[in-house]
């Protein structure tokens, strides 16, 4: 197991400990007013903040996926074109795409 993996586990453990300490020290209730529905919910402060953090991580991951989608599709298209070219011209596929010298 490499150093990077151990470092990732250590950071994850520290974040988990920080979240547990935050949850234990912030047990007070807060009212959430869901405006258009006229519904009021009482939740602990830690639950509302951790939920907001979780929703933010999900939205950030989705935004990252959408922004990289164009690059992924272009790469997939290039790979498909390369495979088609290798099937069409097998001699160039053998020597890395370089054609045979003409005499």
C-alpha atoms as a PDB file:
ATOM      1  CA  UNK A   1       0.000   0.000   0.000  1.00  0.00           C
ATOM      2  CA  UNK A   2       1.533   3.266  -1.138  1.00  0.00           C
ATOM      3  CA  UNK A   3       2.139   6.469   0.726  1.00  0.00           C
ATOM      4  CA  UNK A   4      -0.602   8.312  -1.161  1.00  0.00           C
ATOM      5  CA  UNK A   5      -3.233   5.739  -0.165  1.00  0.00           C
ATOM      6  CA  UNK A   6      -2.218   5.945   3.503  1.00  0.00           C
ATOM      7  CA  UNK A   7      -2.287   9.749   3.300  1.00  0.00           C
ATOM      8  CA  UNK A   8      -5.815   9.658   1.793  1.00  0.00           C
ATOM      9  CA  UNK A   9      -7.033   7.385   4.598  1.00  0.00           C
ATOM     10  CA  UNK A  10      -5.470   9.659   7.224  1.00  0.00           C
ATOM     11  CA  UNK A  11      -7.166  12.744   5.765  1.00  0.00           C
ATOM     12  CA  UNK A  12     -10.512  10.920   5.535  1.00  0.00           C
ATOM     13  CA  UNK A  13     -10.174   9.810   9.160  1.00  0.00           C
ATOM     14  CA  UNK A  14      -9.422  13.370  10.307  1.00  0.00           C
ATOM     15  CA  UNK A  15     -12.427  14.723   8.394  1.00  0.00           C
ATOM     16  CA  UNK A  16     -14.636  12.045   9.950  1.00  0.00           C
ATOM     17  CA  UNK A  17     -13.390  12.891  13.448  1.00  0.00           C
ATOM     18  CA  UNK A  18     -14.006  16.601  12.786  1.00  0.00           C
ATOM     19  CA  UNK A  19     -17.567  15.868  11.634  1.00  0.00           C
ATOM     20  CA  UNK A  20     -18.289  13.761  14.726  1.00  0.00           C
ATOM     21  CA  UNK A  21     -16.902  16.466  17.039  1.00  0.00           C
ATOM     22  CA  UNK A  22     -18.969  19.083  15.168  1.00  0.00           C
ATOM     23  CA  UNK A  23     -22.128  16.970  15.450  1.00  0.00           C
ATOM     24  CA  UNK A  24     -21.671  16.351  19.180  1.00  0.00           C
ATOM     25  CA  UNK A  25     -21.008  20.007  19.988  1.00  0.00           C
ATOM     26  CA  UNK A  26     -23.902  21.413  17.864  1.00  0.00           C
ATOM     27  CA  UNK A  27     -27.006  19.556  18.916  1.00  0.00           C
ATOM     28  CA  UNK A  28     -29.309  22.576  19.133  1.00  0.00           C
ATOM     29  CA  UNK A  29     -32.449  22.726  16.999  1.00  0.00           C
ATOM     30  CA  UNK A  30     -33.042  25.060  14.091  1.00  0.00           C
ATOM     31  CA  UNK A  31     -36.266  25.680  12.154  1.00  0.00           C
ATOM     32  CA  UNK A  32     -36.193  25.200   8.395  1.00  0.00           C
ATOM     33  CA  UNK A  33     -38.986  27.052   6.622  1.00  0.00           C
ATOM     34  CA  UNK A  34     -39.604  25.571   3.179  1.00  0.00           C
ATOM     35  CA  UNK A  35     -41.127  28.731   1.718  1.00  0.00           C
ATOM     36  CA  UNK A  36     -43.397  27.786  -1.159  1.00  0.00           C
ATOM     37  CA  UNK A  37     -44.739  24.733   0.667  1.00  0.00           C
ATOM     38  CA  UNK A  38     -45.348  26.552   3.976  1.00  0.00           C
ATOM     39  CA  UNK A  39     -43.789  23.641   5.850  1.00  0.00           C
ATOM     40  CA  UNK A  40     -41.618  24.168   8.936  1.00  0.00           C
ATOM     41  CA  UNK A  41     -39.198  21.433  10.001  1.00  0.00           C
ATOM     42  CA  UNK A  42     -37.105  21.400  13.171  1.00  0.00           C
ATOM     43  CA  UNK A  43     -33.747  19.707  12.732  1.00  0.00           C
ATOM     44  CA  UNK A  44     -30.473  19.695  14.650  1.00  0.00           C
ATOM     45  CA  UNK A  45     -27.945  22.264  13.425  1.00  0.00           C
ATOM     46  CA  UNK A  46     -25.349  19.632  12.607  1.00  0.00           C
ATOM     47  CA  UNK A  47     -27.785  17.716  10.417  1.00  0.00           C
ATOM     48  CA  UNK A  48     -28.710  20.784   8.371  1.00  0.00           C
ATOM     49  CA  UNK A  49     -25.086  21.832   7.848  1.00  0.00           C
ATOM     50  CA  UNK A  50     -23.809  18.356   7.021  1.00  0.00           C
ATOM     51  CA  UNK A  51     -26.747  17.900   4.618  1.00  0.00           C
ATOM     52  CA  UNK A  52     -25.933  21.204   2.926  1.00  0.00           C
ATOM     53  CA  UNK A  53     -22.285  20.106   2.618  1.00  0.00           C
ATOM     54  CA  UNK A  54     -23.359  16.774   1.113  1.00  0.00           C
ATOM     55  CA  UNK A  55     -25.665  18.474  -1.415  1.00  0.00           C
ATOM     56  CA  UNK A  56     -22.830  20.851  -2.347  1.00  0.00           C
ATOM     57  CA  UNK A  57     -20.447  17.949  -2.954  1.00  0.00           C
ATOM     58  CA  UNK A  58     -23.040  16.219  -5.133  1.00  0.00           C
ATOM     59  CA  UNK A  59     -23.703  19.372  -7.160  1.00  0.00           C
ATOM     60  CA  UNK A  60     -19.964  20.004  -7.567  1.00  0.00           C
ATOM     61  CA  UNK A  61     -19.377  16.437  -8.743  1.00  0.00           C
ATOM     62  CA  UNK A  62     -22.231  16.718 -11.225  1.00  0.00           C
ATOM     63  CA  UNK A  63     -20.901  20.040 -12.546  1.00  0.00           C
ATOM     64  CA  UNK A  64     -17.428  18.508 -12.934  1.00  0.00           C
ATOM     65  CA  UNK A  65     -18.849  15.511 -14.798  1.00  0.00           C
ATOM     66  CA  UNK A  66     -20.859  17.727 -17.151  1.00  0.00           C
ATOM     67  CA  UNK A  67     -17.859  19.962 -17.881  1.00  0.00           C
ATOM     68  CA  UNK A  68     -15.653  16.974 -18.763  1.00  0.00           C
ATOM     69  CA  UNK A  69     -18.328  15.266 -20.847  1.00  0.00           C
ATOM     70  CA  UNK A  70     -17.365  17.093 -24.064  1.00  0.00           C
ATOM     71  CA  UNK A  71     -13.729  16.014 -23.703  1.00  0.00           C
ATOM     72  CA  UNK A  72     -14.729  12.415 -22.982  1.00  0.00           C
ATOM     73  CA  UNK A  73     -16.942  12.278 -26.061  1.00  0.00           C
ATOM     74  CA  UNK A  74     -14.204  13.752 -28.265  1.00  0.00           C
ATOM     75  CA  UNK A  75     -11.678  11.218 -26.940  1.00  0.00           C
ATOM     76  CA  UNK A  76     -14.082   8.355 -27.551  1.00  0.00           C
ATOM     77  CA  UNK A  77     -14.619   9.579 -31.118  1.00  0.00           C
ATOM     78  CA  UNK A  78     -10.849   9.751 -31.727  1.00  0.00           C
ATOM     79  CA  UNK A  79     -10.358   6.222 -30.398  1.00  0.00           C
ATOM     80  CA  UNK A  80     -13.154   4.982 -32.658  1.00  0.00           C
ATOM     81  CA  UNK A  81     -11.548   6.707 -35.676  1.00  0.00           C
ATOM     82  CA  UNK A  82      -8.144   5.184 -34.822  1.00  0.00           C
ATOM     83  CA  UNK A  83      -9.609   1.680 -34.630  1.00  0.00           C
ATOM     84  CA  UNK A  84     -11.402   2.179 -37.927  1.00  0.00           C
ATOM     85  CA  UNK A  85      -8.183   3.448 -39.533  1.00  0.00           C
ATOM     86  CA  UNK A  86      -6.241   0.463 -38.173  1.00  0.00           C
ATOM     87  CA  UNK A  87      -8.793  -1.909 -39.702  1.00  0.00           C
ATOM     88  CA  UNK A  88      -8.767  -0.078 -43.009  1.00  0.00           C
ATOM     89  CA  UNK A  89      -4.962   0.238 -43.259  1.00  0.00           C
ATOM     90  CA  UNK A  90      -3.436  -2.705 -41.363  1.00  0.00           C
ATOM     91  CA  UNK A  91       0.117  -2.088 -42.601  1.00  0.00           C
ATOM     92  CA  UNK A  92       0.250   1.332 -40.941  1.00  0.00           C
ATOM     93  CA  UNK A  93      -1.142  -0.111 -37.700  1.00  0.00           C
ATOM     94  CA  UNK A  94       1.806  -2.524 -37.467  1.00  0.00           C
ATOM     95  CA  UNK A  95       4.468   0.190 -37.531  1.00  0.00           C
ATOM     96  CA  UNK A  96       2.797   2.858 -35.402  1.00  0.00           C
ATOM     97  CA  UNK A  97       0.942   4.696 -38.167  1.00  0.00           C
ATOM     98  CA  UNK A  98       4.019   5.379 -40.300  1.00  0.00           C
ATOM     99  CA  UNK A  99       3.605   4.404 -43.943  1.00  0.00           C
ATOM    100  CA  UNK A 100       6.001   2.216 -45.880  1.00  0.00           C
ATOM    101  CA  UNK A 101       8.764   4.092 -47.753  1.00  0.00           C
ATOM    102  CA  UNK A 102       8.276   4.312 -51.499  1.00  0.00           C
ATOM    103  CA  UNK A 103      11.195   3.429 -53.797  1.00  0.00           C
END
